[in-house]
Amino acid sequence: MPSKLPCILFTAFEPSGDEHAAPVIAELRRLAPQVPICALGGPRMADAGAELIAHTCGRGSMGASSLAEIGRHFKRVRVLKRWMAGHQVAIHVPTDSPAANWGIMKTIKKRYDGRDGQPPAKVVNLVAPQVWAWGSWRVNKLRRWSDLVLCLLPFEPQWFAQHRVKARFIGHPLFDQSLPTDALAWEGMNLSGGSPRIVLLPGSRPSEIKDNWPDLLEAFRRLSAEMDTTQGVVVAVHERAANKLRRIAGDRWPTNLKLLNNNLDAALHWGDVTLAVSGTVTLHVARHGLPMAVMYHVNRFNWTMLGQFIVRARTFTLPNLIAAGAVNPDPAEHIVREFIPYFGDVDALVDEMRSLLTDNDKRAIQIEALKQIIAKFEGHNAGLEAAEAILETMESR
């Protein structure tokens, strides 16, 4: 049945979007239970109280480049347009996945433009598109089709303000909950008490694991050969990732390396140092105050011919960006050594990990810097602040 009240429409196309949107929807349900909330989204959004128009947050949604996935996305858009014929949208909340959401933002703005006597719809982006890192020309789309951008990283609002886009820092959902004390009971997971303890974080996407895991594994093997009491843990985000890690390692899997399935906090509580593939996981590491090195393998030819021109940022690791409070800090300001783009120099990875394990002054400096990063998120609650910003925007119509 068509809704008689203007609704809040969320659109998300990745599991990460489902995860980011769910706590915001829960807060909206608490603060404004009378407002209809509809969504293209996933199970977490539905559990939080959204009425799903279509399920769009399955594994790999919009993450694949296949024609089949593109076709599925256009089918979802057609479903949305049919739904729009009988519903009024007050606020559109595109969540993550900018490539999938740009066209929908434009469609919403044109369909609900106020010419039918209703106030025009407004667009509030949840999770700022990383136009500051690559494809900066896309900020023009954001300026045209968005009314407010809700940022999870503290340096982003300043960059958007410089490009005449209204933005607000709301904190990060990672910090909305205390560290799970039950997940920190690593003694019950049969993790070794030996040392040094190295945590390997090979990424979550199949392509990331394929490109980065062999060199993480080789770096661990070399460190183990140097320090024969070395113990390690590699964390898989789900069973599919665990199976891929096993297949790639084959019979080269070290006996002193344990695989944990989706027990990141336990591994970080246990470890002495981390070698991680770049991503949000580095904020998890920072939260535990664990020294780290960060890498991301890139094809050298692709980077030389195209990537270096599209990707304008020259700093990629979140702790470095947050510590400097800027999009392109000088490498001298880095608090974490980053190997990005990484072209396969395992010796450099080993050297950096060795120094993090043996140089106490270097460890102490990084740990203190990580504490200062975490302090920037204190006093914020991303779910609540996002819900309040959405309702403020709705009232301003």
Protein backbone atom coordinates (compact mmCIF):
# COMPACT_ATOMS: atom_id res chain seq x y z
CA MET A 1 0.00 0.00 0.00
CA PRO A 2 1.30 3.50 -0.77
CA SER A 3 2.47 5.43 2.27
CA LYS A 4 0.38 8.51 3.14
CA LEU A 5 3.33 10.13 4.94
CA PRO A 6 6.55 11.25 3.26
CA CYS A 7 9.16 8.66 4.08
CA ILE A 8 12.89 8.42 4.63
CA LEU A 9 14.43 6.27 1.89
CA PHE A 10 17.75 4.49 2.44
CA THR A 11 19.63 2.94 -0.49
CA ALA A 12 22.60 0.63 0.21
CA PHE A 13 24.28 -1.91 -2.06
CA GLU A 14 27.04 -3.50 0.02
CA PRO A 15 27.14 -5.41 3.33
CA SER A 16 29.08 -2.43 4.70
CA GLY A 17 26.20 -0.14 3.76
CA ASP A 18 23.75 -2.47 5.49
CA GLU A 19 25.96 -2.31 8.58
CA HIS A 20 26.31 1.49 8.55
CA ALA A 21 22.62 2.18 7.94
CA ALA A 22 21.15 -0.20 10.53
CA PRO A 23 22.04 1.75 13.72
CA VAL A 24 20.86 4.99 12.11
CA ILE A 25 17.51 3.41 11.25
CA ALA A 26 17.22 2.09 14.81
CA GLU A 27 17.77 5.60 16.20
CA LEU A 28 15.25 7.08 13.76
CA ARG A 29 12.72 4.50 14.90
CA ARG A 30 13.33 5.58 18.48
CA LEU A 31 13.32 9.35 17.85
CA ALA A 32 10.53 9.53 15.24
CA PRO A 33 8.50 6.30 15.27
CA GLN A 34 5.75 7.87 13.15
CA VAL A 35 8.00 8.47 10.12
CA PRO A 36 7.95 5.66 7.52
CA ILE A 37 11.40 4.28 6.66
CA CYS A 38 11.85 2.34 3.43
CA ALA A 39 14.99 0.92 1.88
CA LEU A 40 16.86 -0.82 -0.82
CA GLY A 41 19.04 -2.68 1.61
CA GLY A 42 19.87 -5.74 3.63
CA PRO A 43 18.82 -7.82 6.64
CA ARG A 44 20.33 -5.55 9.28
CA MET A 45 18.37 -2.60 7.95
CA ALA A 46 15.19 -4.67 8.00
CA ASP A 47 15.86 -5.83 11.56
CA ALA A 48 16.40 -2.20 12.60
CA GLY A 49 12.94 -1.27 11.35
CA ALA A 50 13.12 -0.41 7.65
CA GLU A 51 10.55 -1.72 5.16
CA LEU A 52 12.60 -3.31 2.41
CA ILE A 53 11.64 -2.52 -1.16
CA ALA A 54 14.27 -4.99 -2.39
CA HIS A 55 17.24 -6.89 -0.99
CA THR A 56 20.37 -5.26 -2.39
CA CYS A 57 23.17 -5.96 0.09
CA GLY A 58 24.15 -9.48 -0.80
CA ARG A 59 27.78 -10.54 -1.03
CA GLY A 60 29.55 -8.68 -3.79
CA SER A 61 26.71 -6.31 -4.70
CA MET A 62 28.15 -3.57 -6.89
CA GLY A 63 31.57 -4.81 -5.92
CA ALA A 64 31.81 -6.92 -9.04
CA SER A 65 32.34 -5.53 -12.50
CA SER A 66 30.42 -8.29 -14.26
CA LEU A 67 27.64 -7.51 -16.70
CA ALA A 68 25.35 -9.74 -14.64
CA GLU A 69 25.78 -7.56 -11.57
CA ILE A 70 25.24 -4.39 -13.58
CA GLY A 71 22.06 -5.93 -14.96
CA ARG A 72 20.85 -6.80 -11.46
CA HIS A 73 21.42 -3.22 -10.36
CA PHE A 74 19.33 -1.80 -13.20
CA LYS A 75 16.54 -4.21 -12.28
CA ARG A 76 16.63 -2.86 -8.73
CA VAL A 77 16.43 0.69 -10.03
CA ARG A 78 13.35 -0.24 -12.07
CA VAL A 79 11.77 -1.72 -8.94
CA LEU A 80 12.52 1.50 -7.08
CA LYS A 81 10.98 3.67 -9.81
CA ARG A 82 7.78 1.60 -9.74
CA TRP A 83 7.68 2.00 -5.97
CA MET A 84 8.23 5.77 -6.28
CA ALA A 85 5.02 6.07 -8.31
CA GLY A 86 3.00 5.49 -5.14
CA HIS A 87 5.20 6.97 -2.44
CA GLN A 88 6.45 10.38 -1.38
CA VAL A 89 10.10 10.70 -0.32
CA ALA A 90 11.11 13.41 2.11
CA ILE A 91 14.75 12.40 2.63
CA HIS A 92 16.94 10.11 0.56
CA VAL A 93 19.89 8.60 2.47
CA PRO A 94 22.36 7.03 0.00
CA THR A 95 24.65 4.88 2.11
CA ASP A 96 28.16 4.07 0.90
CA SER A 97 28.47 2.62 -2.66
CA PRO A 98 28.64 5.98 -4.49
CA ALA A 99 28.87 4.36 -7.93
CA ALA A 100 25.48 2.72 -7.38
CA ASN A 101 23.93 5.72 -5.66
CA TRP A 102 24.83 8.64 -7.94
CA GLY A 103 22.06 7.93 -10.42
CA ILE A 104 19.51 7.28 -7.70
CA MET A 105 20.30 10.60 -6.02
CA LYS A 106 19.70 12.37 -9.33
CA THR A 107 16.46 10.42 -9.92
CA ILE A 108 15.12 11.29 -6.46
CA LYS A 109 15.94 14.98 -6.86
CA LYS A 110 14.21 15.17 -10.25
CA ARG A 111 11.17 13.08 -9.26
CA TYR A 112 10.48 14.94 -6.00
CA ASP A 113 11.30 18.48 -7.11
CA GLY A 114 8.39 20.24 -5.43
CA ARG A 115 6.31 20.82 -8.56
CA ASP A 116 3.56 18.51 -7.26
CA GLY A 117 2.87 20.82 -4.33
CA GLN A 118 4.94 18.75 -1.88
CA PRO A 119 8.22 20.06 -0.46
CA PRO A 120 11.16 18.84 -2.56
CA ALA A 121 13.12 15.82 -1.34
CA LYS A 122 16.53 16.33 0.21
CA VAL A 123 19.53 14.02 0.03
CA VAL A 124 21.71 13.23 3.04
CA ASN A 125 24.73 11.05 2.26
CA LEU A 126 25.60 8.58 4.98
CA VAL A 127 29.34 7.81 4.69
CA ALA A 128 31.14 10.42 2.61
CA PRO A 129 32.15 9.24 -0.86
CA GLN A 130 35.94 9.25 -0.96
CA VAL A 131 36.12 11.81 -3.73
CA TRP A 132 39.01 13.36 -1.84
CA ALA A 133 41.08 10.25 -2.61
CA TRP A 134 40.25 9.56 -6.26
CA GLY A 135 37.99 10.89 -8.97
CA SER A 136 37.77 14.33 -7.33
CA TRP A 137 35.66 15.60 -10.26
CA ARG A 138 32.79 13.65 -8.70
CA VAL A 139 32.49 16.33 -6.03
CA ASN A 140 30.51 18.32 -8.60
CA LYS A 141 27.83 15.60 -8.59
CA LEU A 142 27.81 15.68 -4.81
CA ARG A 143 27.39 19.46 -4.76
CA ARG A 144 24.50 19.25 -7.22
CA TRP A 145 22.58 16.25 -5.93
CA SER A 146 23.28 16.25 -2.16
CA ASP A 147 22.15 18.58 0.63
CA LEU A 148 24.36 17.21 3.42
CA VAL A 149 27.21 14.72 3.70
CA LEU A 150 27.64 12.85 6.97
CA CYS A 151 31.34 12.07 7.46
CA LEU A 152 32.83 9.21 9.46
CA LEU A 153 36.35 10.65 9.40
CA PRO A 154 37.24 13.91 11.18
CA PHE A 155 39.34 15.43 8.37
CA GLU A 156 36.62 15.13 5.71
CA PRO A 157 34.33 18.12 6.52
CA GLN A 158 37.14 20.61 5.96
CA TRP A 159 37.88 19.16 2.51
CA PHE A 160 34.21 19.22 1.52
CA ALA A 161 33.81 22.78 2.82
CA GLN A 162 36.66 23.85 0.53
CA HIS A 163 34.65 22.38 -2.35
CA ARG A 164 31.39 24.07 -1.28
CA VAL A 165 29.69 20.89 -0.07
CA LYS A 166 27.89 20.96 3.28
CA ALA A 167 29.31 18.23 5.52
CA ARG A 168 29.30 17.19 9.16
CA PHE A 169 31.50 14.82 11.18
CA ILE A 170 29.34 12.38 13.17
CA GLY A 171 31.95 9.96 14.51
CA HIS A 172 32.41 6.37 13.39
CA PRO A 173 30.09 3.44 14.26
CA LEU A 174 33.15 1.40 15.19
CA PHE A 175 33.51 3.55 18.31
CA ASP A 176 29.83 3.60 19.30
CA GLN A 177 30.20 0.37 21.26
CA SER A 178 32.73 -0.58 23.91
CA LEU A 179 35.25 -3.27 23.11
CA PRO A 180 33.52 -6.65 23.54
CA THR A 181 35.01 -8.13 26.68
CA ASP A 182 33.91 -11.66 25.81
CA ALA A 183 35.78 -11.52 22.48
CA LEU A 184 38.95 -10.57 24.34
CA ALA A 185 39.08 -13.89 26.20
CA TRP A 186 41.73 -15.14 23.80
CA GLU A 187 42.97 -17.73 26.29
CA GLY A 188 39.89 -19.77 25.47
CA MET A 189 40.75 -19.82 21.76
CA ASN A 190 43.94 -21.82 22.21
CA LEU A 191 46.11 -18.92 21.07
CA SER A 192 49.75 -19.47 21.85
CA GLY A 193 51.47 -17.73 24.71
CA GLY A 194 54.75 -17.52 22.80
CA SER A 195 56.31 -14.35 21.41
CA PRO A 196 56.60 -12.28 19.40
CA ARG A 197 52.93 -12.36 18.44
CA ILE A 198 52.13 -11.21 14.91
CA VAL A 199 48.61 -10.54 13.62
CA LEU A 200 48.03 -10.70 9.86
CA LEU A 201 44.99 -8.94 8.37
CA PRO A 202 44.75 -9.82 4.66
CA GLY A 203 41.59 -7.89 3.73
CA SER A 204 38.02 -9.01 3.13
CA ARG A 205 37.41 -8.95 -0.62
CA PRO A 206 38.53 -11.91 -2.72
CA SER A 207 40.72 -9.68 -4.89
CA GLU A 208 42.44 -8.20 -1.83
CA ILE A 209 43.21 -11.64 -0.43
CA LYS A 210 44.47 -12.89 -3.79
CA ASP A 211 46.80 -9.91 -4.28
CA ASN A 212 48.06 -9.37 -0.73
CA TRP A 213 47.94 -12.64 1.19
CA PRO A 214 50.94 -14.36 -0.49
CA ASP A 215 53.30 -11.55 0.55
CA LEU A 216 51.87 -11.27 4.07
CA LEU A 217 52.42 -14.99 4.43
CA GLU A 218 55.97 -14.78 3.08
CA ALA A 219 56.83 -11.90 5.42
CA PHE A 220 55.58 -13.96 8.35
CA ARG A 221 57.59 -16.99 7.28
CA ARG A 222 60.79 -14.91 7.07
CA LEU A 223 60.23 -13.34 10.48
CA SER A 224 59.57 -16.78 11.94
CA ALA A 225 62.88 -17.99 10.50
CA GLU A 226 64.68 -15.11 12.23
CA MET A 227 62.83 -15.45 15.57
CA ASP A 228 62.04 -19.09 16.15
CA THR A 229 59.56 -18.43 18.97
CA THR A 230 57.32 -16.31 16.71
CA GLN A 231 53.59 -17.02 16.89
CA GLY A 232 50.98 -15.69 14.49
CA VAL A 233 47.29 -15.30 13.86
CA VAL A 234 45.56 -14.48 10.58
CA VAL A 235 41.98 -13.24 10.73
CA ALA A 236 39.38 -14.17 8.11
CA VAL A 237 36.18 -12.11 8.03
CA HIS A 238 34.06 -15.15 7.12
CA GLU A 239 34.38 -18.79 6.09
CA ARG A 240 34.66 -17.97 2.38
CA ALA A 241 37.69 -15.81 3.10
CA ALA A 242 39.14 -18.52 5.34
CA ASN A 243 38.84 -21.08 2.56
CA LYS A 244 40.56 -18.76 0.10
CA LEU A 245 43.42 -18.18 2.55
CA ARG A 246 43.86 -21.93 2.94
CA ARG A 247 43.79 -22.55 -0.82
CA ILE A 248 46.41 -19.91 -1.57
CA ALA A 249 48.74 -21.04 1.22
CA GLY A 250 48.36 -24.74 0.47
CA ASP A 251 51.10 -26.82 2.04
CA ARG A 252 53.09 -23.65 2.81
CA TRP A 253 50.87 -22.88 5.82
CA PRO A 254 53.22 -22.44 8.82
CA THR A 255 52.62 -24.58 11.89
CA ASN A 256 52.99 -21.49 14.10
CA LEU A 257 50.20 -19.57 12.33
CA LYS A 258 46.61 -19.97 13.55
CA LEU A 259 43.54 -19.02 11.51
CA LEU A 260 40.74 -17.21 13.33
CA ASN A 261 37.36 -16.80 11.66
CA ASN A 262 35.80 -13.41 12.44
CA ASN A 263 37.53 -12.90 15.81
CA LEU A 264 39.34 -9.64 15.08
CA ASP A 265 39.16 -8.13 18.57
CA ALA A 266 40.49 -11.31 20.17
CA ALA A 267 43.43 -11.41 17.76
CA LEU A 268 44.29 -7.74 18.31
CA HIS A 269 44.05 -8.12 22.08
CA TRP A 270 46.50 -11.02 21.84
CA GLY A 271 49.02 -9.57 19.40
CA ASP A 272 52.22 -7.54 19.71
CA VAL A 273 52.22 -6.10 16.19
CA THR A 274 50.04 -6.13 13.06
CA LEU A 275 50.67 -6.30 9.32
CA ALA A 276 47.44 -5.20 7.67
CA VAL A 277 45.97 -4.57 4.26
CA SER A 278 44.77 -0.96 4.12
CA GLY A 279 41.15 -0.29 5.03
CA THR A 280 38.81 0.40 7.94
CA VAL A 281 40.45 -2.48 9.79
CA THR A 282 43.35 -0.12 10.60
CA LEU A 283 40.97 1.79 12.88
CA HIS A 284 40.27 -1.46 14.73
CA VAL A 285 44.01 -1.89 15.17
CA ALA A 286 44.39 1.71 16.36
CA ARG A 287 41.59 1.19 18.88
CA HIS A 288 43.61 -1.61 20.45
CA GLY A 289 46.76 0.55 20.45
CA LEU A 290 48.66 -2.09 18.49
CA PRO A 291 51.68 -1.00 16.40
CA MET A 292 51.14 -1.73 12.72
CA ALA A 293 52.47 -1.55 9.21
CA VAL A 294 50.03 -1.23 6.31
CA MET A 295 50.25 -2.35 2.69
CA TYR A 296 48.11 -2.68 -0.42
CA HIS A 297 49.34 -4.50 -3.50
CA VAL A 298 48.83 -2.71 -6.80
CA ASN A 299 49.69 -3.84 -10.30
CA ARG A 300 52.71 -1.76 -11.26
CA PHE A 301 51.72 -1.40 -14.93
CA ASN A 302 48.15 -0.35 -14.10
CA TRP A 303 49.41 2.15 -11.53
CA THR A 304 52.00 3.65 -13.86
CA MET A 305 49.69 3.94 -16.85
CA LEU A 306 46.46 4.98 -15.14
CA GLY A 307 46.17 4.66 -11.37
CA GLN A 308 48.58 7.43 -10.39
CA PHE A 309 46.59 9.90 -12.49
CA ILE A 310 43.13 8.91 -11.22
CA VAL A 311 44.09 8.54 -7.56
CA ARG A 312 45.09 11.98 -6.38
CA ALA A 313 45.79 11.07 -2.75
CA ARG A 314 49.33 10.04 -1.90
CA THR A 315 48.52 9.01 1.66
CA PHE A 316 46.05 6.15 2.01
CA THR A 317 46.21 4.76 5.55
CA LEU A 318 43.40 6.06 7.77
CA PRO A 319 45.52 6.54 10.92
CA ASN A 320 47.93 8.75 8.94
CA LEU A 321 45.12 10.80 7.40
CA ILE A 322 43.36 11.26 10.74
CA ALA A 323 46.55 12.10 12.65
CA ALA A 324 47.46 14.82 10.14
CA GLY A 325 43.89 16.10 9.81
CA ALA A 326 44.42 16.50 6.08
CA VAL A 327 43.91 14.62 2.83
CA ASN A 328 47.52 14.68 1.66
CA PRO A 329 49.88 14.94 4.65
CA ASP A 330 53.60 14.96 4.10
CA PRO A 331 55.06 11.44 4.50
CA ALA A 332 57.18 12.88 7.31
CA GLU A 333 53.93 13.26 9.28
CA HIS A 334 53.00 9.60 8.94
CA ILE A 335 52.66 7.77 12.23
CA VAL A 336 52.27 4.38 10.53
CA ARG A 337 54.57 3.09 7.80
CA GLU A 338 52.49 2.46 4.71
CA PHE A 339 53.53 0.49 1.66
CA ILE A 340 50.96 1.85 -0.80
CA PRO A 341 51.15 1.26 -3.65
CA TYR A 342 52.98 -1.95 -2.80
CA PHE A 343 54.75 -3.68 -5.67
CA GLY A 344 56.08 -6.83 -3.98
CA ASP A 345 59.07 -5.78 -1.83
CA VAL A 346 58.74 -8.38 0.94
CA ASP A 347 62.13 -7.40 2.39
CA ALA A 348 60.79 -3.93 3.18
CA LEU A 349 57.77 -5.43 4.98
CA VAL A 350 60.03 -7.67 7.03
CA ASP A 351 62.36 -4.80 7.95
CA GLU A 352 59.48 -2.65 9.17
CA MET A 353 57.89 -5.45 11.16
CA ARG A 354 61.22 -6.35 12.72
CA SER A 355 61.75 -2.76 13.86
CA LEU A 356 58.25 -2.58 15.35
CA LEU A 357 59.03 -5.70 17.35
CA THR A 358 62.49 -4.71 18.55
CA ASP A 359 62.59 -0.89 18.76
CA ASN A 360 60.79 0.00 21.98
CA ASP A 361 61.01 3.75 21.37
CA LYS A 362 59.42 3.39 17.93
CA ARG A 363 56.65 1.25 19.38
CA ALA A 364 55.96 3.74 22.16
CA ILE A 365 55.78 6.70 19.76
CA GLN A 366 53.27 4.94 17.50
CA ILE A 367 51.14 3.72 20.40
CA GLU A 368 50.87 7.25 21.80
CA ALA A 369 49.95 8.61 18.36
CA LEU A 370 47.24 5.97 18.00
CA LYS A 371 45.76 7.05 21.35
CA GLN A 372 45.51 10.61 20.06
CA ILE A 373 43.69 9.38 16.96
CA ILE A 374 41.12 7.50 19.00
CA ALA A 375 40.54 10.60 21.12
CA LYS A 376 39.19 12.42 18.04
CA PHE A 377 36.17 10.10 18.06
CA GLU A 378 35.35 10.52 21.75
CA GLY A 379 32.04 12.18 22.54
CA HIS A 380 30.45 11.13 19.26
CA ASN A 381 27.79 8.54 18.55
CA ALA A 382 27.54 8.02 14.80
CA GLY A 383 24.12 6.35 14.78
CA LEU A 384 22.47 8.99 16.97
CA GLU A 385 24.13 11.98 15.32
CA ALA A 386 23.24 10.73 11.84
CA ALA A 387 19.59 10.24 12.85
CA GLU A 388 19.43 13.71 14.37
CA ALA A 389 20.96 15.27 11.23
CA ILE A 390 18.46 13.46 9.00
CA LEU A 391 15.51 14.64 11.10
CA GLU A 392 16.86 18.22 11.16
CA THR A 393 17.10 18.15 7.38
CA MET A 394 13.59 16.75 7.15
CA GLU A 395 12.23 19.58 9.32
CA SER A 396 14.04 22.18 7.19
CA ARG A 397 11.99 21.19 4.13
